[in-house]
Protein backbone atom coordinates (compact mmCIF):
# COMPACT_ATOMS: atom_id res chain seq x y z
CA UNK A 1 3.85 -0.70 12.73
CA UNK A 2 0.93 -3.13 13.01
CA UNK A 3 0.51 -5.60 10.37
CA UNK A 4 -3.19 -5.51 10.89
CA UNK A 5 -4.21 -2.80 8.33
CA UNK A 6 -7.90 -3.08 8.23
CA UNK A 7 -10.81 -4.21 10.49
CA UNK A 8 -12.87 -5.82 7.67
CA UNK A 9 -13.24 -9.08 9.58
CA UNK A 10 -15.06 -7.36 12.36
CA UNK A 11 -17.60 -5.65 10.37
CA UNK A 12 -18.34 -8.64 8.17
CA UNK A 13 -18.77 -10.61 11.60
CA UNK A 14 -21.23 -7.91 12.86
CA UNK A 15 -23.16 -8.23 9.63
CA UNK A 16 -25.78 -10.53 8.86
CA UNK A 17 -24.45 -10.92 5.49
CA UNK A 18 -22.62 -14.25 4.75
CA UNK A 19 -19.12 -14.15 3.26
CA UNK A 20 -20.24 -16.05 0.15
CA UNK A 21 -23.23 -13.49 -0.66
CA UNK A 22 -20.66 -10.77 -0.08
CA UNK A 23 -18.07 -12.33 -2.42
CA UNK A 24 -20.90 -12.65 -5.14
CA UNK A 25 -21.93 -9.09 -4.75
CA UNK A 26 -18.49 -7.79 -5.14
CA UNK A 27 -17.68 -10.38 -7.73
CA UNK A 28 -14.77 -11.86 -5.94
CA UNK A 29 -13.88 -15.27 -4.61
CA UNK A 30 -14.58 -16.28 -1.34
CA UNK A 31 -10.96 -16.44 -0.54
CA UNK A 32 -10.35 -12.86 -1.46
CA UNK A 33 -12.76 -11.94 1.51
CA UNK A 34 -10.77 -14.35 3.59
CA UNK A 35 -7.39 -12.74 2.71
CA UNK A 36 -8.81 -9.39 3.55
CA UNK A 37 -10.49 -10.61 6.90
CA UNK A 38 -6.96 -11.86 7.84
CA UNK A 39 -5.00 -9.08 6.45
CA UNK A 40 -3.09 -11.29 4.01
CA UNK A 41 -4.20 -8.99 1.28
CA UNK A 42 -5.91 -5.55 1.18
CA UNK A 43 -8.80 -4.38 -0.99
CA UNK A 44 -8.42 -1.60 -3.29
CA UNK A 45 -9.98 1.79 -2.23
CA UNK A 46 -12.91 1.16 -4.68
CA UNK A 47 -13.37 -2.26 -3.05
CA UNK A 48 -13.11 -0.76 0.43
CA UNK A 49 -15.73 1.97 -0.60
CA UNK A 50 -18.04 -0.83 -1.82
CA UNK A 51 -17.46 -2.76 1.46
CA UNK A 52 -18.26 0.04 3.70
CA UNK A 53 -21.60 0.90 1.28
CA UNK A 54 -22.90 -2.72 1.50
CA UNK A 55 -21.95 -3.46 5.28
CA UNK A 56 -23.46 0.08 6.07
CA UNK A 57 -20.33 1.27 7.95
CA UNK A 58 -17.93 4.20 7.71
CA UNK A 59 -14.80 3.50 5.39
CA UNK A 60 -12.92 4.62 8.63
CA UNK A 61 -14.38 1.62 10.46
CA UNK A 62 -12.83 -0.63 8.05
CA UNK A 63 -9.31 0.53 8.54
CA UNK A 64 -6.91 0.35 11.43
CA UNK A 65 -5.24 3.67 12.53
CA UNK A 66 -1.40 3.66 11.76
CA UNK A 67 0.03 6.17 14.08
CA UNK A 68 3.11 7.65 12.77
CA UNK A 69 6.09 9.40 14.62
CA UNK A 70 7.14 12.43 13.22
CA UNK A 71 10.98 12.04 12.39
CA UNK A 72 11.61 14.54 9.47
CA UNK A 73 11.76 11.49 7.02
CA UNK A 74 10.07 13.42 4.23
CA UNK A 75 12.45 16.41 4.26
CA UNK A 76 15.40 14.27 4.30
CA UNK A 77 14.04 11.78 1.42
CA UNK A 78 13.53 15.05 -0.51
CA UNK A 79 17.20 16.28 -0.07
CA UNK A 80 18.36 12.62 -0.86
CA UNK A 81 16.61 12.68 -4.02
CA UNK A 82 17.90 15.86 -5.07
CA UNK A 83 21.53 14.82 -3.89
CA UNK A 84 21.13 11.61 -6.25
CA UNK A 85 19.67 13.64 -9.25
CA UNK A 86 22.74 16.08 -8.75
CA UNK A 87 24.98 12.86 -9.28
CA UNK A 88 23.54 12.35 -12.68
CA UNK A 89 21.29 9.51 -11.49
CA UNK A 90 17.91 9.85 -13.41
CA UNK A 91 14.23 9.41 -12.47
CA UNK A 92 13.47 7.32 -15.56
CA UNK A 93 15.11 4.73 -17.88
CA UNK A 94 14.17 3.68 -21.38
CA UNK A 95 13.70 -0.03 -21.53
CA UNK A 96 12.58 -2.15 -24.78
CA UNK A 97 9.12 -3.49 -24.17
CA UNK A 98 7.54 -6.82 -25.49
CA UNK A 99 6.95 -5.47 -29.11
CA UNK A 100 10.50 -4.05 -29.55
CA UNK A 101 9.47 -0.48 -28.87
CA UNK A 102 10.73 1.67 -26.16
CA UNK A 103 8.95 2.74 -23.05
CA UNK A 104 10.15 4.94 -19.80
CA UNK A 105 10.06 3.02 -16.46
CA UNK A 106 11.24 4.28 -12.98
CA UNK A 107 15.08 3.70 -12.61
CA UNK A 108 15.69 0.91 -10.62
CA UNK A 109 18.84 2.22 -9.22
CA UNK A 110 17.11 5.17 -8.08
CA UNK A 111 14.44 3.24 -6.26
CA UNK A 112 16.94 1.15 -4.58
CA UNK A 113 18.89 3.79 -3.27
CA UNK A 114 15.85 5.77 -2.08
CA UNK A 115 14.46 2.81 -0.27
CA UNK A 116 18.11 2.17 1.21
CA UNK A 117 18.13 5.52 2.39
CA UNK A 118 14.77 5.10 4.23
CA UNK A 119 15.78 1.89 5.62
CA UNK A 120 19.23 3.25 6.89
CA UNK A 121 17.26 6.58 8.16
CA UNK A 122 14.85 4.49 10.35
CA UNK A 123 17.40 2.31 11.73
CA UNK A 124 19.41 5.25 12.82
CA UNK A 125 16.50 6.61 14.66
CA UNK A 126 15.57 3.01 15.84
CA UNK A 127 12.11 2.88 14.01
CA UNK A 128 12.75 -0.58 12.51
């Protein structure tokens, strides 16, 4: 997969609008625009829509197509998720919040196991 997720730099370069004016309009720092331009960071969908609107380009032109190979990963991950639930692993756990109360968060063990499964699945298929 390409590290280039957006084409914002191209659209900004093709626009008469200066980065400083664009940053002020969006109420972000110039460095934020620079990070978007270099694909170090990505704008939120709301910001992407605002960029498209002010640069007068379709949002699709601001993004780089990310072709994906069909491998059956979603079905395999769903099966692994069900298998982990059957072993007693829970989706959520309760943790103490900063005020001494409790809140539910994603079970970090479940997250780790699902991510490991995906990594191993991709390695078996030579996708990484």
